Structures are given as C-alpha cells and as structure tokens.
N, C-alpha and C. Protein backbone atom coordinates (compact mmCIF):
# COMPACT_ATOMS: atom_id res chain seq x y z
N MET A 1 36.61 1.19 27.22
CA MET A 1 35.98 0.73 26.05
C MET A 1 35.12 1.78 25.26
N ALA A 2 35.59 2.96 25.23
CA ALA A 2 34.90 3.98 24.58
C ALA A 2 35.17 4.13 23.10
N LEU A 3 34.20 4.09 22.29
CA LEU A 3 34.35 4.34 20.93
C LEU A 3 34.47 5.72 20.56
N SER A 4 35.34 6.08 19.65
CA SER A 4 35.39 7.41 19.15
C SER A 4 34.27 7.70 18.18
N LEU A 5 33.93 8.93 18.17
CA LEU A 5 32.76 9.29 17.29
C LEU A 5 32.99 8.96 15.89
N THR A 6 34.31 9.12 15.43
CA THR A 6 34.71 8.77 14.03
C THR A 6 34.51 7.33 13.77
N ALA A 7 34.83 6.47 14.72
CA ALA A 7 34.66 4.99 14.59
C ALA A 7 33.19 4.64 14.51
N LEU A 8 32.40 5.29 15.35
CA LEU A 8 30.98 4.95 15.30
C LEU A 8 30.41 5.38 14.02
N LEU A 9 30.68 6.56 13.54
CA LEU A 9 30.16 7.08 12.32
C LEU A 9 30.61 6.29 11.14
N ALA A 10 31.88 5.74 11.04
CA ALA A 10 32.42 4.97 10.05
C ALA A 10 31.63 3.71 9.99
N GLY A 11 31.33 3.11 11.10
CA GLY A 11 30.51 1.85 11.18
C GLY A 11 29.08 2.09 10.66
N CYS A 12 28.55 3.07 10.93
CA CYS A 12 27.13 3.39 10.45
C CYS A 12 27.11 3.60 9.02
N ALA A 13 28.17 4.21 8.38
CA ALA A 13 28.23 4.51 7.03
C ALA A 13 28.40 3.21 6.16
N GLN A 14 28.83 2.12 6.83
CA GLN A 14 29.04 0.87 6.06
C GLN A 14 27.89 0.05 6.07
N GLU A 15 26.88 0.37 6.85
CA GLU A 15 25.58 -0.40 6.83
C GLU A 15 24.83 -0.20 5.50
N ASP A 16 24.12 -1.23 5.06
CA ASP A 16 23.30 -1.05 3.89
C ASP A 16 21.98 -0.87 4.32
N PRO A 17 21.47 0.35 4.08
CA PRO A 17 20.01 0.56 4.64
C PRO A 17 19.02 -0.22 3.69
N LYS A 18 18.08 -0.88 4.25
CA LYS A 18 17.13 -1.63 3.60
C LYS A 18 15.74 -0.97 3.67
N PRO A 19 15.04 -0.96 2.63
CA PRO A 19 13.69 -0.31 2.61
C PRO A 19 12.81 -1.05 3.57
N LEU A 20 11.89 -0.31 4.24
CA LEU A 20 10.97 -0.98 5.24
C LEU A 20 9.99 -1.83 4.51
N HIS A 21 9.60 -1.34 3.26
CA HIS A 21 8.53 -2.16 2.58
C HIS A 21 9.19 -2.47 1.16
N PRO A 22 8.79 -3.64 0.70
CA PRO A 22 9.33 -3.88 -0.67
C PRO A 22 8.85 -2.77 -1.69
N THR A 23 9.65 -2.58 -2.71
CA THR A 23 9.38 -1.61 -3.67
C THR A 23 8.08 -1.86 -4.41
N ARG A 24 7.13 -1.00 -4.44
CA ARG A 24 5.89 -1.16 -5.13
C ARG A 24 5.98 -0.64 -6.48
N SER A 25 5.30 -1.33 -7.47
CA SER A 25 5.15 -0.69 -8.78
C SER A 25 4.27 0.56 -8.74
N PRO A 26 4.42 1.49 -9.72
CA PRO A 26 3.57 2.63 -9.77
C PRO A 26 2.07 2.30 -9.71
N GLY A 27 1.64 1.21 -10.36
CA GLY A 27 0.23 0.90 -10.28
C GLY A 27 -0.24 0.52 -8.91
N GLU A 28 0.63 -0.32 -8.26
CA GLU A 28 0.33 -0.68 -6.94
C GLU A 28 0.35 0.49 -5.95
N ALA A 29 1.32 1.36 -6.09
CA ALA A 29 1.33 2.59 -5.38
C ALA A 29 0.23 3.46 -5.48
N ALA A 30 -0.41 3.56 -6.69
CA ALA A 30 -1.58 4.34 -6.96
C ALA A 30 -2.76 3.61 -6.27
N TRP A 31 -2.82 2.36 -6.17
CA TRP A 31 -3.90 1.63 -5.50
C TRP A 31 -3.88 1.98 -4.03
N TYR A 32 -2.63 1.97 -3.33
CA TYR A 32 -2.57 2.27 -1.98
C TYR A 32 -2.83 3.67 -1.67
N GLU A 33 -2.61 4.64 -2.64
CA GLU A 33 -2.85 6.06 -2.34
C GLU A 33 -4.29 6.35 -2.54
N SER A 34 -5.10 5.44 -3.12
CA SER A 34 -6.50 5.87 -3.33
C SER A 34 -7.29 5.53 -2.06
N SER A 35 -8.43 6.18 -2.03
CA SER A 35 -9.24 5.99 -0.81
C SER A 35 -10.02 4.63 -0.84
N LYS A 36 -10.60 4.19 0.29
CA LYS A 36 -11.31 2.99 0.35
C LYS A 36 -12.46 2.94 -0.63
N ALA A 37 -13.14 4.07 -0.74
CA ALA A 37 -14.31 4.24 -1.71
C ALA A 37 -13.83 4.04 -3.09
N GLN A 38 -12.69 4.69 -3.41
CA GLN A 38 -12.10 4.57 -4.81
C GLN A 38 -11.79 3.10 -5.11
N ARG A 39 -11.20 2.50 -4.05
CA ARG A 39 -10.77 1.05 -4.31
C ARG A 39 -12.00 0.21 -4.58
N LYS A 40 -13.07 0.44 -3.86
CA LYS A 40 -14.37 -0.33 -4.14
C LYS A 40 -14.80 -0.06 -5.59
N GLU A 41 -14.72 1.29 -6.04
CA GLU A 41 -15.14 1.57 -7.44
C GLU A 41 -14.27 0.78 -8.42
N TYR A 42 -12.98 0.78 -8.18
CA TYR A 42 -12.03 0.18 -9.14
C TYR A 42 -12.33 -1.27 -9.18
N CYS A 43 -12.54 -1.90 -8.07
CA CYS A 43 -12.76 -3.37 -8.05
C CYS A 43 -14.11 -3.71 -8.66
N ALA A 44 -15.11 -2.97 -8.38
CA ALA A 44 -16.47 -3.15 -9.01
C ALA A 44 -16.29 -3.12 -10.56
N ALA A 45 -15.66 -2.05 -11.06
CA ALA A 45 -15.60 -1.85 -12.50
C ALA A 45 -14.73 -3.03 -13.05
N TYR A 46 -13.62 -3.44 -12.33
CA TYR A 46 -12.76 -4.43 -12.86
C TYR A 46 -13.48 -5.78 -12.93
N ARG A 47 -14.25 -6.07 -11.99
CA ARG A 47 -15.02 -7.43 -11.97
C ARG A 47 -16.16 -7.42 -13.01
N ALA A 48 -16.76 -6.30 -13.24
CA ALA A 48 -17.91 -6.22 -14.19
C ALA A 48 -17.51 -6.40 -15.57
N HIS A 49 -16.26 -6.06 -15.98
CA HIS A 49 -15.81 -6.15 -17.35
C HIS A 49 -16.77 -5.55 -18.31
N ASP A 50 -17.40 -4.44 -17.91
CA ASP A 50 -18.41 -3.78 -18.71
C ASP A 50 -17.72 -2.66 -19.53
N PRO A 51 -17.77 -2.65 -20.84
CA PRO A 51 -17.17 -1.57 -21.67
C PRO A 51 -17.86 -0.28 -21.50
N GLN A 52 -19.15 -0.36 -21.01
CA GLN A 52 -19.92 0.97 -20.76
C GLN A 52 -19.42 1.58 -19.40
N ARG A 53 -18.88 0.85 -18.56
CA ARG A 53 -18.41 1.29 -17.27
C ARG A 53 -16.94 0.92 -17.08
N PRO A 54 -15.97 1.47 -17.89
CA PRO A 54 -14.53 0.98 -17.78
C PRO A 54 -13.96 1.37 -16.47
N VAL A 55 -12.84 0.70 -16.08
CA VAL A 55 -12.06 1.13 -14.94
C VAL A 55 -11.42 2.48 -15.11
N HIS A 56 -11.57 3.38 -14.23
CA HIS A 56 -10.96 4.78 -14.34
C HIS A 56 -9.56 4.56 -13.81
N VAL A 57 -8.58 4.75 -14.63
CA VAL A 57 -7.19 4.68 -14.25
C VAL A 57 -6.84 5.97 -13.60
N PRO A 58 -6.36 6.02 -12.42
CA PRO A 58 -5.96 7.28 -11.81
C PRO A 58 -4.77 7.84 -12.39
N THR A 59 -4.49 9.17 -12.25
CA THR A 59 -3.32 9.85 -12.64
C THR A 59 -2.34 9.53 -11.52
N PHE A 60 -1.04 9.36 -11.92
CA PHE A 60 -0.07 9.12 -10.88
C PHE A 60 1.27 9.47 -11.39
N ALA A 61 2.12 10.16 -10.71
CA ALA A 61 3.45 10.50 -11.25
C ALA A 61 4.26 9.28 -11.41
N SER A 62 4.71 9.03 -12.61
CA SER A 62 5.52 7.85 -12.93
C SER A 62 6.34 8.07 -14.18
N ALA A 63 7.33 7.38 -14.28
CA ALA A 63 8.20 7.45 -15.46
C ALA A 63 7.63 6.64 -16.63
N MET A 64 6.51 5.85 -16.34
CA MET A 64 5.95 5.00 -17.38
C MET A 64 5.12 5.83 -18.31
N SER A 65 4.84 5.33 -19.46
CA SER A 65 3.97 5.88 -20.44
C SER A 65 2.54 5.69 -19.87
N GLU A 66 1.52 6.38 -20.41
CA GLU A 66 0.11 6.13 -19.93
C GLU A 66 -0.24 4.72 -20.12
N ASP A 67 0.10 4.20 -21.27
CA ASP A 67 -0.35 2.76 -21.54
C ASP A 67 0.35 1.76 -20.56
N GLU A 68 1.62 1.97 -20.36
CA GLU A 68 2.34 1.15 -19.48
C GLU A 68 1.77 1.23 -18.05
N PHE A 69 1.47 2.44 -17.67
CA PHE A 69 0.90 2.61 -16.30
C PHE A 69 -0.46 1.95 -16.15
N ALA A 70 -1.28 2.08 -17.30
CA ALA A 70 -2.64 1.47 -17.20
C ALA A 70 -2.46 -0.04 -17.07
N ASP A 71 -1.53 -0.57 -17.83
CA ASP A 71 -1.29 -1.99 -17.78
C ASP A 71 -0.83 -2.43 -16.32
N ASP A 72 0.05 -1.65 -15.71
CA ASP A 72 0.53 -1.88 -14.44
C ASP A 72 -0.64 -1.79 -13.34
N PHE A 73 -1.42 -0.77 -13.55
CA PHE A 73 -2.54 -0.61 -12.59
C PHE A 73 -3.56 -1.76 -12.72
N TYR A 74 -3.81 -2.26 -13.97
CA TYR A 74 -4.70 -3.41 -14.09
C TYR A 74 -4.09 -4.61 -13.47
N ASP A 75 -2.77 -4.74 -13.49
CA ASP A 75 -2.06 -5.92 -12.84
C ASP A 75 -2.26 -5.82 -11.33
N ALA A 76 -2.26 -4.54 -10.77
CA ALA A 76 -2.42 -4.39 -9.37
C ALA A 76 -3.89 -4.71 -9.02
N LEU A 77 -4.85 -4.33 -9.86
CA LEU A 77 -6.27 -4.66 -9.59
C LEU A 77 -6.50 -6.17 -9.66
N LYS A 78 -5.84 -6.89 -10.63
CA LYS A 78 -5.94 -8.32 -10.71
C LYS A 78 -5.51 -8.94 -9.39
N GLU A 79 -4.51 -8.46 -8.73
CA GLU A 79 -3.98 -8.92 -7.50
C GLU A 79 -4.78 -8.50 -6.30
N LYS A 80 -5.40 -7.36 -6.27
CA LYS A 80 -6.00 -6.83 -5.14
C LYS A 80 -7.49 -7.08 -5.06
N CYS A 81 -8.08 -7.22 -6.33
CA CYS A 81 -9.58 -7.39 -6.33
C CYS A 81 -9.80 -8.92 -6.36
C-alpha cells in the first residue's frame, strides 16, 4: 500500500488552502499592528468625540484612498472600543 510520490503530491495540490484567520480589513489590520498604548489612545480619542483631540489615523499600506482607510479605521474603532 505504498503511495507514489507523484500521487501524494497530486493529492496535496488539489486541496484548497484556507486562511488561518478571516481576512481583516486594512483598518482592522492597522488596529492589530498598533501597540497596546496606541490602542488606548485611539479608544480614548474615539470615545471623547473632541474636535480638539481627534483620533490620529495611523499610516498603513493599503490600496484604499486616505479617506476610505480613515473610514475603515473608524469602523474598526467602533467595533474594538
């Protein structure tokens, strides 16, 4: 009952790899890449709704425009904070 290497490799090639984690939005990914202290600052500013102390939107490599990314990041804050 020995499988040939070709048969074994053919079986592996047919499997659909699944990501370990669900795909995150760029805003959520930026949240997870930030430090614990940064997250506290983001949430404090988000909860304060103070125009004098706005939420600092981090820079993050994304195909989104700056405005789209900012909206996405605020959505992540809404969920996480």
